[in-house]
Protein backbone atom coordinates (compact mmCIF):
# COMPACT_ATOMS: atom_id res chain seq x y z
CA TRP A 1 15.13 -6.55 12.77
CA PRO A 2 13.55 -3.54 12.51
CA PHE A 3 9.35 -3.82 12.60
CA GLY A 4 10.17 -6.75 14.47
CA LEU A 5 10.44 -8.70 11.14
CA ASN A 6 12.22 -12.65 10.85
CA PHE A 7 13.00 -14.25 7.72
CA GLY A 8 10.18 -16.12 6.82
CA ASP A 9 7.05 -14.45 8.47
CA ASP A 10 4.26 -14.56 5.52
CA SER A 11 3.32 -12.21 4.16
CA ASN A 12 0.29 -11.11 6.33
CA THR A 13 3.01 -11.24 9.62
CA VAL A 14 5.19 -8.51 7.67
CA THR A 15 2.04 -5.86 6.55
CA ASN A 16 1.04 -6.47 10.25
CA LYS A 17 4.18 -5.96 11.80
CA ILE A 18 5.21 -2.76 9.24
CA GLY A 19 1.64 -1.44 9.91
CA VAL A 20 0.16 -0.01 6.81
CA LYS A 21 -1.14 -2.05 3.38
CA PRO A 22 1.86 -2.95 0.50
CA PHE A 23 1.98 0.19 -2.00
CA SER A 24 2.12 -1.47 -4.67
CA LYS A 25 3.12 -5.43 -5.43
CA SER A 26 5.56 -6.66 -8.30
CA LYS A 27 7.85 -9.77 -8.61
CA ASN A 28 11.05 -9.50 -9.42
CA TYR A 29 13.67 -10.71 -11.91
CA ASP A 30 14.31 -14.43 -9.44
CA ASN A 31 10.73 -14.64 -9.88
CA ASP A 32 10.40 -13.91 -6.23
CA HIS A 33 7.85 -11.42 -4.53
CA THR A 34 8.99 -7.81 -4.46
CA TRP A 35 6.11 -5.66 -2.38
CA THR A 36 6.69 -1.57 -1.50
CA TYR A 37 5.33 -0.18 1.88
CA TYR A 38 5.76 2.73 3.36
CA ASN A 39 5.07 5.07 6.33
CA ASP A 40 5.63 8.83 6.99
CA LYS A 41 9.77 7.72 7.91
CA PHE A 42 10.82 4.47 5.43
CA GLU A 43 10.24 2.73 2.12
CA ILE A 44 10.26 -0.84 3.52
CA MET A 45 10.69 -3.33 0.37
CA PRO A 46 10.04 -6.44 1.92
CA VAL A 47 10.73 -9.81 -1.02
CA PHE A 48 9.01 -13.04 -0.35
CA ASP A 49 9.64 -16.70 -1.86
CA ASP A 50 6.72 -18.26 -3.51
CA LYS A 51 5.16 -19.12 -0.18
CA LEU A 52 4.82 -15.02 0.48
CA ASN A 53 7.11 -16.37 3.60
CA LEU A 54 9.81 -13.16 3.93
CA LYS A 55 13.53 -14.42 2.35
CA TRP A 56 14.88 -10.65 2.31
CA LEU A 57 14.85 -7.31 3.50
CA ARG A 58 15.24 -3.40 1.66
CA ILE A 59 14.26 0.00 3.91
CA TRP A 60 15.46 3.12 2.52
CA SER A 61 15.07 6.43 4.67
CA LEU A 62 11.97 8.46 2.51
CA LYS A 63 13.10 11.34 0.10
CA LYS A 64 10.73 14.56 -0.27
CA SER A 65 9.52 13.37 -3.54
CA ASP A 66 8.17 9.99 -1.88
CA LYS A 67 6.27 11.70 0.85
CA LYS A 68 4.58 13.50 -2.24
CA LYS A 69 3.47 10.40 -3.74
CA ILE A 70 1.85 8.86 -1.04
CA GLU A 71 0.30 12.42 -0.53
CA LEU A 72 -0.69 13.00 -3.72
CA LYS A 73 -2.17 8.64 -3.44
CA GLU A 74 -3.88 9.81 -0.43
CA ASN A 75 -5.48 12.68 -1.40
CA LEU A 76 -6.74 10.70 -4.81
CA LYS A 77 -8.61 8.28 -2.05
CA GLN A 78 -10.16 11.33 -0.37
CA GLN A 79 -11.67 12.82 -4.00
CA ASN A 80 -12.83 9.64 -5.24
CA LYS A 81 -15.24 9.69 -2.38
CA ASN A 82 -16.80 13.05 -3.39
CA ILE A 83 -16.94 11.62 -7.12
CA TYR A 84 -20.57 11.14 -7.94
CA THR A 85 -21.76 8.75 -11.05
CA ILE A 86 -24.47 9.71 -13.19
CA GLU A 87 -26.86 6.93 -12.22
CA SER A 88 -25.74 8.25 -7.75
CA THR A 89 -26.93 11.69 -8.88
CA GLU A 90 -29.60 11.00 -10.46
CA LYS A 91 -30.84 8.99 -7.13
CA ILE A 92 -29.55 11.31 -5.16
CA ILE A 93 -32.08 14.03 -7.28
CA ASN A 94 -34.98 10.89 -7.42
CA ASN A 95 -35.06 11.23 -3.54
CA ARG A 96 -34.93 14.48 -3.01
CA ILE A 97 -37.94 15.12 -5.18
CA ASN A 98 -39.94 12.32 -3.82
């Protein structure tokens, strides 16, 4: 199986084997847990039962638009690190004055 996954693997094992955190988590029409992962080449969609054990799996090659979406999300994470609140800015200014 791809990534060394096996039916019945729990969600933590699946995440560890894929090597990235889930991009999204939701439930499908059967009330199964559907998670989506992205790596450099694939969209990986494992579906878990109510105990979060792997039930089935789909894998697609990434399209250019998918790669851009992942890149945008990563860029936004980096930008958030550089955004200061009013309180943190005041604290920085006060520390420099004192």
